Amino acid sequence: MNLRIMTALAIAAIAPVAAADTLSQALDTIGVYGEVAATPSSASASDPYGSISANGGNTNGGVGITMTGVNQELWYTHLSADYAFGSPINGGTISGTLNNVGSASAAGSANVSGHSMAFNARVGKLFAIGEDAAVGPYLAYQYADFKTGLDGYTAAYRNNAVGGGAFGALVLSSRLSVMGHLGYLAGVSASASAAGYGANNPPSSGVLQIGAKADYRFDPDWSVFGGIDYDRYSASYSYVPYALNASATINDIRGIVGMAYHF
C-alpha cells in the first residue's frame, strides 16, 4: 500500500473523531434561560347559520432549561422545557355570528390569565462536514400545555406530538458556534377542558418547529447564548350532527437569552 493511500485512509479515520471532539466541546451543554414569548393566534367556527372568528395574542416573559449532548459516534440528544407566565390569548377581538343569533357582528376584548409551556425531546444522528460542522436527521416528541382563565373560568388544552426534522451545527471558532433545527410533529393525542368540564375527543395539533441559536464561550466551562424558537400549532374539528366546523392556530414565538455550562 503506497503512502498516499495510507495517508488518505488515516485522514478518513481521524476526521469523524476530530469532528466529534469539536462538536462535543461546543454542544455538550446544560443551560438556563429567560424568554420573551409572543403568541399571535386565531380561531374560527362555522355552522349552517353563520360563522365566528377570534384573533388576538399575548406577550409574556418566561423561563426555560435546556440540555444538549453529542457522543463520539455523533449521536445527538436534546431535552428542553420552557414556561411562559401568561395566557396565549389576551386582549384579542371577536367578531361574527353563529347559531342563527342575528346578522349583527359583535366585537370585544378580555384580559385573561394563564400559561403556556412545552417539553421537547430530540434524538438524532449527525454526519460530519469537515471538522467544524455537522448536519443530520432527528426524531422528536413534544408535550405542550396551554391554559387560559377569564373571570374565574378556565380553559386548558394539552397536546402530544411526535415527528422529526433536521439539525445542523457549525463551530466558527473556539468561542463561537451556531446551530439550528427545522421539523414537523404530527399530533397524536390531546385533552381539553373548560370550566371544569372535559371535552370529548378534542383534535390533536400538528406542530411546525423552527429554531436558531448562537453560543459564545467566555470561559472554558461557561458560555452565554441567544436565539429564537418558533412553534406553530394548528388543529381543526368537525361535528357532523350540527355541521359545525372549527379551527385554531397558535403561533408561539420565543426569543431566548441564557447561560450554559459545558460538561
Protein backbone atom coordinates (compact mmCIF):
# COMPACT_ATOMS: atom_id res chain seq x y z
CA MET A 1 0.00 0.00 0.00
CA ASN A 2 1.58 3.30 -1.03
CA LEU A 3 2.00 6.31 1.22
CA ARG A 4 -0.79 8.36 -0.41
CA ILE A 5 -3.40 5.64 0.17
CA MET A 6 -2.28 5.15 3.77
CA THR A 7 -2.44 8.89 4.39
CA ALA A 8 -5.94 9.13 2.88
CA LEU A 9 -7.18 6.24 5.00
CA ALA A 10 -5.71 7.78 8.14
CA ILE A 11 -7.37 11.14 7.43
CA ALA A 12 -10.70 9.41 6.74
CA ALA A 13 -10.45 7.58 10.07
CA ILE A 14 -9.38 10.61 12.10
CA ALA A 15 -11.77 13.22 10.63
CA PRO A 16 -15.01 11.90 12.23
CA VAL A 17 -13.28 11.66 15.61
CA ALA A 18 -11.94 15.19 15.28
CA ALA A 19 -15.38 16.45 14.28
CA ALA A 20 -16.98 14.64 17.21
CA ASP A 21 -14.49 16.22 19.62
CA THR A 22 -15.03 19.71 18.19
CA LEU A 23 -18.82 19.42 18.20
CA SER A 24 -18.89 17.81 21.63
CA GLN A 25 -16.91 20.69 23.11
CA ALA A 26 -19.39 23.15 21.61
CA LEU A 27 -22.70 21.29 22.09
CA ASP A 28 -22.36 19.32 25.34
CA THR A 29 -24.18 21.86 27.48
CA ILE A 30 -26.82 22.34 30.13
CA GLY A 31 -28.27 25.81 30.38
CA VAL A 32 -30.98 28.05 31.77
CA TYR A 33 -32.57 30.99 30.02
CA GLY A 34 -35.12 33.72 30.17
CA GLU A 35 -37.54 34.24 27.31
CA VAL A 36 -40.00 36.67 25.80
CA ALA A 37 -42.87 34.72 24.24
CA ALA A 38 -45.28 36.23 21.71
CA THR A 39 -48.37 34.26 20.65
CA PRO A 40 -50.31 35.84 17.77
CA SER A 41 -53.18 33.39 17.43
CA SER A 42 -56.54 32.88 15.72
CA ALA A 43 -59.62 30.67 15.92
CA SER A 44 -62.79 30.28 13.85
CA ALA A 45 -66.01 28.26 13.84
CA SER A 46 -68.93 27.94 11.44
CA ASP A 47 -72.32 26.25 11.14
CA PRO A 48 -75.12 26.49 8.54
CA TYR A 49 -76.28 29.78 10.04
CA GLY A 50 -73.04 31.73 10.12
CA SER A 51 -69.52 31.92 11.42
CA ILE A 52 -67.43 33.47 14.15
CA SER A 53 -63.73 34.24 14.38
CA ALA A 54 -61.31 35.42 17.04
CA ASN A 55 -57.89 36.97 16.61
CA GLY A 56 -55.50 38.06 19.29
CA GLY A 57 -52.34 37.22 21.10
CA ASN A 58 -50.19 37.97 24.08
CA THR A 59 -46.60 38.77 25.00
CA ASN A 60 -45.22 37.22 28.18
CA GLY A 61 -41.98 36.62 29.99
CA GLY A 62 -40.83 33.11 30.82
CA VAL A 63 -38.01 30.77 31.79
CA GLY A 64 -36.55 27.54 30.46
CA ILE A 65 -33.90 24.87 30.81
CA THR A 66 -32.07 23.02 28.05
CA MET A 67 -29.57 20.19 27.68
CA THR A 68 -27.76 19.03 24.54
CA GLY A 69 -25.15 16.32 24.02
CA VAL A 70 -23.18 14.66 21.21
CA ASN A 71 -21.14 11.45 21.62
CA GLN A 72 -18.13 10.16 19.68
CA GLU A 73 -20.38 8.48 17.10
CA LEU A 74 -22.16 11.81 16.55
CA TRP A 75 -25.46 10.68 18.07
CA TYR A 76 -27.30 13.81 19.16
CA THR A 77 -29.67 14.28 22.11
CA HIS A 78 -31.61 17.39 23.11
CA LEU A 79 -34.01 17.99 26.01
CA SER A 80 -35.70 21.28 26.88
CA ALA A 81 -38.61 22.69 28.85
CA ASP A 82 -39.98 26.22 28.89
CA TYR A 83 -42.75 28.03 30.74
CA ALA A 84 -44.32 31.38 29.80
CA PHE A 85 -46.14 33.35 32.52
CA GLY A 86 -49.37 34.22 30.78
CA SER A 87 -52.20 33.06 28.57
CA PRO A 88 -51.50 32.57 24.85
CA ILE A 89 -54.52 34.78 24.08
CA ASN A 90 -55.16 38.15 25.75
CA GLY A 91 -56.98 41.26 24.67
CA GLY A 92 -57.90 39.97 21.21
CA THR A 93 -61.05 40.71 19.21
CA ILE A 94 -64.07 38.51 18.49
CA SER A 95 -66.45 39.07 15.60
CA GLY A 96 -69.15 37.27 13.60
CA THR A 97 -72.41 35.40 14.13
CA LEU A 98 -73.17 31.79 14.98
CA ASN A 99 -76.23 29.58 15.63
CA ASN A 100 -78.62 31.98 13.90
CA VAL A 101 -78.37 34.59 16.64
CA GLY A 102 -78.67 37.50 14.21
CA SER A 103 -76.76 39.27 11.50
CA ALA A 104 -75.05 41.97 13.56
CA SER A 105 -71.41 41.36 14.29
CA ALA A 106 -70.02 41.59 17.78
CA ALA A 107 -66.61 42.69 18.93
CA GLY A 108 -64.98 42.58 22.32
CA SER A 109 -61.80 42.01 24.25
CA ALA A 110 -60.82 40.49 27.57
CA ASN A 111 -57.86 40.41 29.91
CA VAL A 112 -57.08 36.88 30.91
CA SER A 113 -54.63 34.83 32.98
CA GLY A 114 -52.97 31.51 32.29
CA HIS A 115 -49.75 29.99 30.96
CA SER A 116 -48.14 28.18 28.07
CA MET A 117 -45.49 25.51 28.50
CA ALA A 118 -43.75 22.83 26.45
CA PHE A 119 -41.35 19.92 26.87
CA ASN A 120 -39.25 18.83 23.87
CA ALA A 121 -37.07 15.75 23.32
CA ARG A 122 -34.99 15.02 20.20
CA VAL A 123 -32.66 12.15 19.32
CA GLY A 124 -30.76 12.03 16.05
CA LYS A 125 -27.65 11.15 14.10
CA LEU A 126 -25.27 13.82 12.83
CA PHE A 127 -22.97 13.50 9.86
CA ALA A 128 -19.72 15.46 9.87
CA ILE A 129 -18.96 18.08 7.24
CA GLY A 130 -15.25 18.59 7.82
CA GLU A 131 -14.12 19.02 11.41
CA ASP A 132 -16.28 22.01 12.34
CA ALA A 133 -19.79 21.27 11.08
CA ALA A 134 -22.40 18.54 11.06
CA VAL A 135 -25.98 18.03 9.95
CA GLY A 136 -28.42 15.18 10.34
CA PRO A 137 -31.98 13.96 10.97
CA TYR A 138 -33.70 13.53 14.32
CA LEU A 139 -36.84 12.05 15.85
CA ALA A 140 -38.81 14.30 18.18
CA TYR A 141 -41.54 14.34 20.82
CA GLN A 142 -43.33 17.33 22.33
CA TYR A 143 -45.83 17.81 25.14
CA ALA A 144 -47.50 21.24 25.21
CA ASP A 145 -49.91 22.75 27.71
CA PHE A 146 -51.93 25.95 27.25
CA LYS A 147 -54.22 27.46 29.86
CA THR A 148 -56.49 30.50 29.76
CA GLY A 149 -58.55 31.93 32.63
CA LEU A 150 -61.27 34.59 32.47
CA ASP A 151 -63.29 35.82 35.45
CA GLY A 152 -62.78 32.59 37.38
CA TYR A 153 -63.43 30.32 34.39
CA THR A 154 -60.55 28.38 32.90
CA ALA A 155 -59.94 26.55 29.64
CA ALA A 156 -56.99 24.21 29.07
CA TYR A 157 -55.57 22.35 26.10
CA ARG A 158 -52.82 19.71 26.25
CA ASN A 159 -51.20 18.20 23.16
CA ASN A 160 -48.82 15.31 22.44
CA ALA A 161 -46.99 15.23 19.12
CA VAL A 162 -44.26 13.12 17.51
CA GLY A 163 -42.28 13.64 14.34
CA GLY A 164 -38.83 14.56 13.16
CA GLY A 165 -36.65 17.04 11.39
CA ALA A 166 -33.09 18.12 10.68
CA PHE A 167 -30.47 19.68 12.96
CA GLY A 168 -27.24 21.43 12.00
CA ALA A 169 -24.31 22.90 13.91
CA LEU A 170 -21.31 24.97 12.87
CA VAL A 171 -18.34 25.75 15.11
CA LEU A 172 -16.99 29.10 13.90
CA SER A 173 -14.17 29.36 16.43
CA SER A 174 -13.09 28.04 19.81
CA ARG A 175 -15.54 30.51 21.35
CA LEU A 176 -18.44 30.87 18.91
CA SER A 177 -20.85 28.28 17.50
CA VAL A 178 -24.24 28.43 15.80
CA MET A 179 -26.93 25.79 15.41
CA GLY A 180 -30.45 25.42 14.10
CA HIS A 181 -33.32 22.97 13.59
CA LEU A 182 -36.35 22.52 11.36
CA GLY A 183 -39.01 19.89 11.94
CA TYR A 184 -42.65 18.88 11.91
CA LEU A 185 -44.51 16.86 14.54
CA ALA A 186 -47.90 15.26 13.96
CA GLY A 187 -50.44 15.45 16.76
CA VAL A 188 -51.15 12.02 18.26
CA SER A 189 -53.38 12.79 21.25
CA ALA A 190 -54.90 15.74 23.06
CA SER A 191 -57.09 16.61 26.02
CA ALA A 192 -59.08 19.74 26.74
CA SER A 193 -61.34 21.17 29.42
CA ALA A 194 -63.39 24.30 30.03
CA ALA A 195 -64.99 25.50 33.27
CA GLY A 196 -64.26 22.14 34.85
CA TYR A 197 -65.77 20.03 32.07
CA GLY A 198 -63.69 17.79 29.82
CA ALA A 199 -64.03 17.93 26.05
CA ASN A 200 -65.00 14.82 24.11
CA ASN A 201 -62.22 13.71 21.72
CA PRO A 202 -60.59 17.10 21.11
CA PRO A 203 -58.41 17.27 17.99
CA SER A 204 -54.66 16.94 18.39
CA SER A 205 -52.45 19.58 16.84
CA GLY A 206 -49.62 19.32 14.36
CA VAL A 207 -46.55 21.38 15.23
CA LEU A 208 -44.13 23.10 12.85
CA GLN A 209 -40.83 23.88 14.62
CA ILE A 210 -38.06 26.26 13.54
CA GLY A 211 -35.19 27.44 15.73
CA ALA A 212 -31.72 29.00 15.65
CA LYS A 213 -29.20 29.79 18.38
CA ALA A 214 -25.72 31.27 18.77
CA ASP A 215 -23.44 30.32 21.67
CA TYR A 216 -20.41 32.37 22.82
CA ARG A 217 -17.96 30.80 25.26
CA PHE A 218 -16.36 33.37 27.55
CA ASP A 219 -14.74 30.73 29.78
CA PRO A 220 -13.58 27.12 29.20
CA ASP A 221 -16.66 25.87 31.06
CA TRP A 222 -19.24 28.62 30.58
CA SER A 223 -20.97 30.40 27.73
CA VAL A 224 -23.83 32.78 27.02
CA PHE A 225 -26.34 32.11 24.26
CA GLY A 226 -29.24 33.72 22.48
CA GLY A 227 -31.70 32.63 19.85
CA ILE A 228 -35.25 32.35 18.61
CA ASP A 229 -37.69 29.43 18.52
CA TYR A 230 -40.95 29.28 16.59
CA ASP A 231 -43.65 26.64 17.11
CA ARG A 232 -46.83 26.77 15.04
CA TYR A 233 -49.80 24.74 16.33
CA SER A 234 -52.79 24.08 14.08
CA ALA A 235 -55.86 21.93 14.69
CA SER A 236 -59.31 21.53 13.12
CA TYR A 237 -62.55 19.89 14.27
CA SER A 238 -65.81 18.86 12.62
CA TYR A 239 -69.01 17.79 14.36
CA VAL A 240 -71.29 16.30 11.69
CA PRO A 241 -74.66 16.25 13.57
CA TYR A 242 -74.63 20.07 13.76
CA ALA A 243 -72.49 20.71 10.64
CA LEU A 244 -70.08 22.52 12.93
CA ASN A 245 -66.54 23.18 11.79
CA ALA A 246 -63.83 24.81 13.85
CA SER A 247 -60.12 25.51 13.58
CA ALA A 248 -57.44 27.19 15.64
CA THR A 249 -53.84 28.30 15.15
CA ILE A 250 -51.34 29.32 17.83
CA ASN A 251 -48.05 30.88 16.79
CA ASP A 252 -45.57 30.59 19.67
CA ILE A 253 -42.53 32.83 19.02
CA ARG A 254 -39.86 32.87 21.75
CA GLY A 255 -36.73 34.97 21.98
CA ILE A 256 -34.29 33.44 24.47
CA VAL A 257 -31.13 34.60 26.28
CA GLY A 258 -29.29 32.41 28.76
CA MET A 259 -26.12 30.91 30.21
CA ALA A 260 -24.82 27.37 29.75
CA TYR A 261 -22.30 25.08 31.43
CA HIS A 262 -20.15 22.91 29.10
CA PHE A 263 -19.65 19.43 30.50
